[in-house]
Amino acid sequence: MKRLRAGIQIIIKVTITLASGKKQVISVTVQKTTVRTTKITGLKSSVTVARNKKLTLKPVIGPITSQEKVTYSSSNKKIATVSSSGVITGKKKGTAYITVKSGKIRKKVKVVV
């Protein structure tokens, strides 16, 4: 087996054998560089949350193999807060914007409390 080194792309062939005896060979490619986020989808442009209630954002990061973390921030923490896992909590009536970021890609969600 080849030794893995930074900057080297490796293709590994894996054989899967089922209990029935059926075999399948698949190729797994180890990326040679960090996979960067190119898009964020699955978010509404605007959401409404009641005071003291919670709502969870579930962004879909593309490509699925992206290695960049997702972060969240609120434009006004007095109106709405957001946790590191995307849970929005309504604090008081008003409008705030939650920014979802992965790498250099950002999406904003309007939050009305």
N, C-alpha and C. Protein backbone atom coordinates (compact mmCIF):
# COMPACT_ATOMS: atom_id res chain seq x y z
N MET A 1 0.85 -1.18 0.00
CA MET A 1 0.00 0.00 0.00
C MET A 1 0.89 1.24 0.00
N LYS A 2 0.48 2.26 -0.76
CA LYS A 2 1.25 3.49 -0.83
C LYS A 2 1.14 4.27 0.46
N ARG A 3 2.19 4.99 0.77
CA ARG A 3 2.18 5.85 1.94
C ARG A 3 1.47 7.15 1.57
N LEU A 4 0.53 7.61 2.40
CA LEU A 4 -0.20 8.84 2.13
C LEU A 4 0.66 10.04 2.48
N ARG A 5 0.71 11.00 1.56
CA ARG A 5 1.46 12.24 1.79
C ARG A 5 0.59 13.41 1.36
N ALA A 6 0.80 14.54 1.98
CA ALA A 6 0.05 15.74 1.63
C ALA A 6 0.30 16.09 0.16
N GLY A 7 -0.76 16.47 -0.53
CA GLY A 7 -0.64 16.88 -1.93
C GLY A 7 -0.65 15.75 -2.93
N ILE A 8 -0.77 14.52 -2.50
CA ILE A 8 -0.79 13.37 -3.40
C ILE A 8 -2.20 12.81 -3.44
N GLN A 9 -2.73 12.63 -4.67
CA GLN A 9 -4.06 12.05 -4.81
C GLN A 9 -3.92 10.54 -4.91
N ILE A 10 -4.70 9.82 -4.12
CA ILE A 10 -4.64 8.36 -4.07
C ILE A 10 -6.01 7.80 -4.45
N ILE A 11 -6.01 6.75 -5.25
CA ILE A 11 -7.25 6.04 -5.57
C ILE A 11 -7.12 4.64 -4.98
N ILE A 12 -8.07 4.29 -4.13
CA ILE A 12 -8.05 3.00 -3.46
C ILE A 12 -9.22 2.17 -3.98
N LYS A 13 -8.97 0.91 -4.32
CA LYS A 13 -10.05 0.03 -4.76
C LYS A 13 -10.46 -0.84 -3.57
N VAL A 14 -11.75 -0.85 -3.29
CA VAL A 14 -12.30 -1.59 -2.16
C VAL A 14 -13.24 -2.65 -2.70
N THR A 15 -13.08 -3.90 -2.24
CA THR A 15 -13.98 -4.97 -2.65
C THR A 15 -14.95 -5.25 -1.51
N ILE A 16 -16.24 -5.19 -1.83
CA ILE A 16 -17.29 -5.46 -0.85
C ILE A 16 -17.90 -6.81 -1.19
N THR A 17 -17.95 -7.71 -0.21
CA THR A 17 -18.54 -9.03 -0.41
C THR A 17 -19.72 -9.20 0.53
N LEU A 18 -20.90 -9.46 -0.03
CA LEU A 18 -22.10 -9.68 0.77
C LEU A 18 -22.18 -11.13 1.24
N ALA A 19 -23.02 -11.38 2.24
CA ALA A 19 -23.21 -12.74 2.75
C ALA A 19 -23.68 -13.68 1.65
N SER A 20 -24.40 -13.14 0.65
CA SER A 20 -24.91 -13.95 -0.46
C SER A 20 -23.80 -14.35 -1.43
N GLY A 21 -22.60 -13.77 -1.24
CA GLY A 21 -21.49 -14.09 -2.13
C GLY A 21 -21.28 -13.07 -3.23
N LYS A 22 -22.22 -12.16 -3.40
CA LYS A 22 -22.09 -11.14 -4.44
C LYS A 22 -20.98 -10.17 -4.06
N LYS A 23 -20.14 -9.83 -5.07
CA LYS A 23 -19.01 -8.93 -4.84
C LYS A 23 -19.16 -7.67 -5.68
N GLN A 24 -18.65 -6.58 -5.15
CA GLN A 24 -18.65 -5.31 -5.87
C GLN A 24 -17.34 -4.59 -5.56
N VAL A 25 -16.68 -4.09 -6.57
CA VAL A 25 -15.44 -3.33 -6.39
C VAL A 25 -15.77 -1.86 -6.61
N ILE A 26 -15.38 -1.02 -5.66
CA ILE A 26 -15.59 0.42 -5.81
C ILE A 26 -14.25 1.13 -5.66
N SER A 27 -14.14 2.29 -6.29
CA SER A 27 -12.93 3.10 -6.18
C SER A 27 -13.21 4.27 -5.24
N VAL A 28 -12.30 4.50 -4.31
CA VAL A 28 -12.40 5.62 -3.38
C VAL A 28 -11.23 6.54 -3.68
N THR A 29 -11.52 7.81 -3.97
CA THR A 29 -10.47 8.78 -4.26
C THR A 29 -10.23 9.65 -3.04
N VAL A 30 -9.00 9.68 -2.58
CA VAL A 30 -8.62 10.55 -1.47
C VAL A 30 -8.22 11.89 -2.08
N GLN A 31 -8.91 12.96 -1.69
CA GLN A 31 -8.65 14.29 -2.25
C GLN A 31 -7.23 14.75 -1.93
N LYS A 32 -6.62 15.44 -2.89
CA LYS A 32 -5.27 15.91 -2.62
C LYS A 32 -5.24 17.31 -2.03
N THR A 33 -6.35 18.02 -2.06
CA THR A 33 -6.43 19.34 -1.43
C THR A 33 -7.72 19.44 -0.63
N THR A 34 -7.82 20.47 0.19
CA THR A 34 -9.03 20.69 0.97
C THR A 34 -10.19 20.99 0.03
N VAL A 35 -11.33 20.34 0.26
CA VAL A 35 -12.51 20.57 -0.56
C VAL A 35 -13.23 21.80 0.01
N ARG A 36 -13.40 22.82 -0.81
CA ARG A 36 -13.99 24.09 -0.39
C ARG A 36 -15.48 24.13 -0.69
N THR A 37 -16.21 24.89 0.11
CA THR A 37 -17.65 25.08 -0.10
C THR A 37 -17.86 25.96 -1.33
N THR A 38 -18.81 25.56 -2.19
CA THR A 38 -19.14 26.36 -3.37
C THR A 38 -20.55 26.91 -3.31
N LYS A 39 -21.41 26.30 -2.45
CA LYS A 39 -22.78 26.80 -2.35
C LYS A 39 -23.41 26.38 -1.02
N ILE A 40 -24.41 27.16 -0.62
CA ILE A 40 -25.23 26.85 0.55
C ILE A 40 -26.68 26.91 0.09
N THR A 41 -27.41 25.82 0.26
CA THR A 41 -28.82 25.77 -0.14
C THR A 41 -29.65 25.26 1.03
N GLY A 42 -30.96 25.12 0.81
CA GLY A 42 -31.85 24.55 1.82
C GLY A 42 -32.31 25.54 2.87
N LEU A 43 -32.09 26.84 2.62
CA LEU A 43 -32.50 27.86 3.58
C LEU A 43 -33.59 28.74 2.98
N LYS A 44 -34.58 29.10 3.79
CA LYS A 44 -35.59 30.06 3.36
C LYS A 44 -34.99 31.45 3.46
N SER A 45 -35.49 32.39 2.65
CA SER A 45 -34.97 33.75 2.73
C SER A 45 -35.48 34.47 3.97
N SER A 46 -36.63 34.01 4.50
CA SER A 46 -37.22 34.64 5.68
C SER A 46 -37.94 33.60 6.52
N VAL A 47 -37.80 33.72 7.85
CA VAL A 47 -38.51 32.82 8.78
C VAL A 47 -39.10 33.65 9.90
N THR A 48 -40.13 33.11 10.54
CA THR A 48 -40.76 33.76 11.68
C THR A 48 -40.63 32.83 12.88
N VAL A 49 -40.25 33.40 14.02
CA VAL A 49 -40.14 32.62 15.25
C VAL A 49 -40.77 33.45 16.37
N ALA A 50 -41.54 32.79 17.23
CA ALA A 50 -42.20 33.48 18.34
C ALA A 50 -41.18 33.79 19.44
N ARG A 51 -41.52 34.75 20.27
CA ARG A 51 -40.65 35.11 21.40
C ARG A 51 -40.44 33.90 22.30
N ASN A 52 -39.22 33.67 22.73
CA ASN A 52 -38.83 32.54 23.60
C ASN A 52 -39.03 31.16 22.96
N LYS A 53 -39.22 31.11 21.66
CA LYS A 53 -39.34 29.84 20.94
C LYS A 53 -38.08 29.62 20.10
N LYS A 54 -37.90 28.38 19.66
CA LYS A 54 -36.69 28.02 18.91
C LYS A 54 -37.04 27.46 17.53
N LEU A 55 -36.11 27.65 16.61
CA LEU A 55 -36.24 27.15 15.25
C LEU A 55 -34.83 26.77 14.79
N THR A 56 -34.69 25.63 14.13
CA THR A 56 -33.36 25.17 13.70
C THR A 56 -33.17 25.35 12.20
N LEU A 57 -32.07 25.99 11.83
CA LEU A 57 -31.68 26.12 10.42
C LEU A 57 -30.96 24.84 10.01
N LYS A 58 -31.26 24.36 8.80
CA LYS A 58 -30.62 23.14 8.31
C LYS A 58 -30.05 23.38 6.92
N PRO A 59 -28.94 24.10 6.84
CA PRO A 59 -28.36 24.37 5.53
C PRO A 59 -27.75 23.12 4.90
N VAL A 60 -27.77 23.08 3.57
CA VAL A 60 -27.14 22.00 2.82
C VAL A 60 -25.91 22.61 2.16
N ILE A 61 -24.75 22.07 2.48
CA ILE A 61 -23.49 22.59 1.98
C ILE A 61 -23.06 21.79 0.76
N GLY A 62 -22.62 22.50 -0.28
CA GLY A 62 -22.17 21.82 -1.49
C GLY A 62 -20.76 22.24 -1.84
N PRO A 63 -19.95 21.33 -2.31
CA PRO A 63 -20.26 19.91 -2.47
C PRO A 63 -20.36 19.20 -1.12
N ILE A 64 -20.97 18.05 -1.14
CA ILE A 64 -21.21 17.30 0.10
C ILE A 64 -19.89 16.94 0.79
N THR A 65 -18.80 16.91 0.04
CA THR A 65 -17.49 16.56 0.60
C THR A 65 -16.73 17.76 1.15
N SER A 66 -17.38 18.93 1.19
CA SER A 66 -16.71 20.13 1.70
C SER A 66 -16.18 19.90 3.11
N GLN A 67 -14.98 20.39 3.35
CA GLN A 67 -14.34 20.22 4.65
C GLN A 67 -14.39 21.49 5.49
N GLU A 68 -15.08 22.52 4.99
CA GLU A 68 -15.15 23.79 5.70
C GLU A 68 -16.34 23.79 6.66
N LYS A 69 -16.11 24.33 7.86
CA LYS A 69 -17.14 24.34 8.89
C LYS A 69 -18.21 25.37 8.61
N VAL A 70 -19.40 25.14 9.16
CA VAL A 70 -20.52 26.07 9.05
C VAL A 70 -20.56 26.89 10.33
N THR A 71 -20.66 28.22 10.19
CA THR A 71 -20.80 29.10 11.35
C THR A 71 -22.04 29.95 11.19
N TYR A 72 -22.58 30.41 12.32
CA TYR A 72 -23.79 31.22 12.33
C TYR A 72 -23.54 32.48 13.15
N SER A 73 -24.16 33.61 12.72
CA SER A 73 -24.08 34.83 13.52
C SER A 73 -25.38 35.61 13.35
N SER A 74 -25.72 36.40 14.38
CA SER A 74 -26.94 37.21 14.38
C SER A 74 -26.56 38.68 14.23
N SER A 75 -27.36 39.42 13.44
CA SER A 75 -27.12 40.85 13.27
C SER A 75 -27.57 41.64 14.49
N ASN A 76 -28.49 41.07 15.29
CA ASN A 76 -28.99 41.77 16.48
C ASN A 76 -29.37 40.73 17.53
N LYS A 77 -28.47 40.50 18.49
CA LYS A 77 -28.69 39.47 19.50
C LYS A 77 -29.80 39.83 20.48
N LYS A 78 -30.26 41.09 20.49
CA LYS A 78 -31.38 41.48 21.35
C LYS A 78 -32.70 40.99 20.75
N ILE A 79 -32.73 40.80 19.43
CA ILE A 79 -33.94 40.34 18.73
C ILE A 79 -33.93 38.82 18.61
N ALA A 80 -32.83 38.26 18.11
CA ALA A 80 -32.73 36.80 17.92
C ALA A 80 -31.28 36.36 18.08
N THR A 81 -31.09 35.25 18.78
CA THR A 81 -29.75 34.67 18.92
C THR A 81 -29.70 33.38 18.10
N VAL A 82 -28.49 32.95 17.80
CA VAL A 82 -28.32 31.70 17.07
C VAL A 82 -27.14 30.95 17.69
N SER A 83 -27.33 29.65 17.90
CA SER A 83 -26.28 28.82 18.50
C SER A 83 -25.30 28.35 17.42
N SER A 84 -24.22 27.74 17.85
CA SER A 84 -23.22 27.22 16.91
C SER A 84 -23.76 26.07 16.07
N SER A 85 -24.90 25.49 16.48
CA SER A 85 -25.52 24.41 15.70
C SER A 85 -26.71 24.90 14.88
N GLY A 86 -26.95 26.22 14.83
CA GLY A 86 -28.00 26.77 13.97
C GLY A 86 -29.36 26.90 14.60
N VAL A 87 -29.46 26.82 15.93
CA VAL A 87 -30.75 26.96 16.61
C VAL A 87 -30.99 28.44 16.90
N ILE A 88 -32.07 28.98 16.30
CA ILE A 88 -32.44 30.38 16.48
C ILE A 88 -33.41 30.47 17.65
N THR A 89 -33.20 31.46 18.54
CA THR A 89 -34.12 31.72 19.65
C THR A 89 -34.62 33.15 19.52
N GLY A 90 -35.96 33.31 19.48
CA GLY A 90 -36.55 34.65 19.43
C GLY A 90 -36.46 35.30 20.79
N LYS A 91 -35.95 36.53 20.86
CA LYS A 91 -35.77 37.24 22.13
C LYS A 91 -36.85 38.30 22.36
N LYS A 92 -37.01 39.22 21.39
CA LYS A 92 -38.06 40.23 21.49
C LYS A 92 -38.50 40.63 20.10
N LYS A 93 -39.66 41.28 19.99
CA LYS A 93 -40.22 41.63 18.68
C LYS A 93 -39.26 42.49 17.89
N GLY A 94 -39.19 42.18 16.61
CA GLY A 94 -38.32 42.93 15.71
C GLY A 94 -37.80 42.04 14.59
N THR A 95 -36.81 42.55 13.87
CA THR A 95 -36.22 41.82 12.75
C THR A 95 -34.71 41.75 12.91
N ALA A 96 -34.16 40.60 12.67
CA ALA A 96 -32.71 40.39 12.70
C ALA A 96 -32.35 39.53 11.49
N TYR A 97 -31.08 39.49 11.16
CA TYR A 97 -30.60 38.65 10.07
C TYR A 97 -29.58 37.66 10.61
N ILE A 98 -29.76 36.40 10.26
CA ILE A 98 -28.81 35.36 10.64
C ILE A 98 -27.94 35.09 9.41
N THR A 99 -26.64 35.15 9.60
CA THR A 99 -25.70 34.86 8.52
C THR A 99 -25.16 33.45 8.71
N VAL A 100 -25.31 32.64 7.65
CA VAL A 100 -24.78 31.27 7.64
C VAL A 100 -23.54 31.32 6.75
N LYS A 101 -22.40 30.89 7.27
CA LYS A 101 -21.15 30.99 6.52
C LYS A 101 -20.42 29.65 6.52
N SER A 102 -19.87 29.31 5.35
CA SER A 102 -19.00 28.14 5.21
C SER A 102 -17.91 28.54 4.23
N GLY A 103 -16.68 28.63 4.72
CA GLY A 103 -15.60 29.12 3.87
C GLY A 103 -15.85 30.56 3.49
N LYS A 104 -15.84 30.85 2.20
CA LYS A 104 -16.09 32.22 1.73
C LYS A 104 -17.54 32.44 1.31
N ILE A 105 -18.36 31.41 1.41
CA ILE A 105 -19.76 31.49 0.99
C ILE A 105 -20.64 31.88 2.17
N ARG A 106 -21.54 32.86 1.93
CA ARG A 106 -22.45 33.33 2.99
C ARG A 106 -23.88 33.39 2.46
N LYS A 107 -24.83 33.11 3.34
CA LYS A 107 -26.26 33.27 3.04
C LYS A 107 -26.89 33.96 4.23
N LYS A 108 -27.83 34.87 3.96
CA LYS A 108 -28.53 35.57 5.04
C LYS A 108 -29.97 35.11 5.09
N VAL A 109 -30.48 34.96 6.32
CA VAL A 109 -31.87 34.58 6.55
C VAL A 109 -32.49 35.68 7.41
N LYS A 110 -33.57 36.27 6.93
CA LYS A 110 -34.29 37.29 7.70
C LYS A 110 -35.12 36.58 8.76
N VAL A 111 -35.01 37.04 10.01
CA VAL A 111 -35.76 36.44 11.12
C VAL A 111 -36.68 37.51 11.69
N VAL A 112 -37.99 37.21 11.68
CA VAL A 112 -38.98 38.11 12.25
C VAL A 112 -39.49 37.47 13.53
N VAL A 113 -39.39 38.22 14.64
CA VAL A 113 -39.85 37.72 15.93
C VAL A 113 -41.16 38.42 16.26
